């Protein structure tokens, strides 16, 4: 890691998390030297990462938290994490939506943030298996609603069984999605890696996401930097099925290089735009 006093807090924490995962643990005094920041700054960063549940503080440093591959956080728990990163990603991804097109949005807190920006795109047809995403568009249609946009979008909500993240999955959702065709799928993920591709801890959600990918002409993954290197129980798509990854500036340089080698498009929201194609 290069020394830089001017790193933003989120970038600095991403570097710390990458170092923890790569080495299996770090010490506070090592981080202060490498990042050229104070002991107190490093400890605050480790506190923030510990609250996110991605590291465990130990005496003099931190070690990674290894979650079970079947662990699935609820929507409310995930909605408090990486808020500014998700907002940057949502704004950048919304600019990729073409007025009048048919798009799909999977479940997740990042696609939920994206839905709010898509209200500005006219004449969309939106298919989603997310109760939360559907609520964003339905609220905009309500007469007299603050900021209501009656022509914002036509929304199709699949049926199915509700997951902890408020997505609808299972055979009903799968059949509905398989019968449709989308210009673009905006896909939130639990984890993304070179080896496992796109993955989720929920087996039924993996199958539903697989149907989404199969029905889309173009797949745009929206995922903040913490999703890189995470692997859930079930993989549902390989990286070569992804057209573009929209992520945030917290993604470490090493991960960017790996992604650029394997994906046609990488869009880093809130920072430089390398490898966009």
Foldseek 3Di string as FASTA:
>chain_A
DAADPPDDLLLLLLVVLVVQVVVQWDFLVVSCVRHVHDSVSSVVSVVVCVLLVQWDDDVRTIGGDDDALLDDAAQVSQLVPPVVFLLLLLLVVLVVDAAQFEEEEEFHNSSLSNLLSLLPRFNYEYEYQAPSSVVNLVQLCDPPRVVRDVGRYHYHHFAADQDSHRGHFDDRLLVVLLVAAGAEYEYEAQAAEQVQGGAHSDPRVLSSVLSNLVRYPAYEYEYEQVRYPDHHPHRNDHLLSHAEYEYEPSHDPVVVVVSLVRHQAYQHGPDDGPNGD
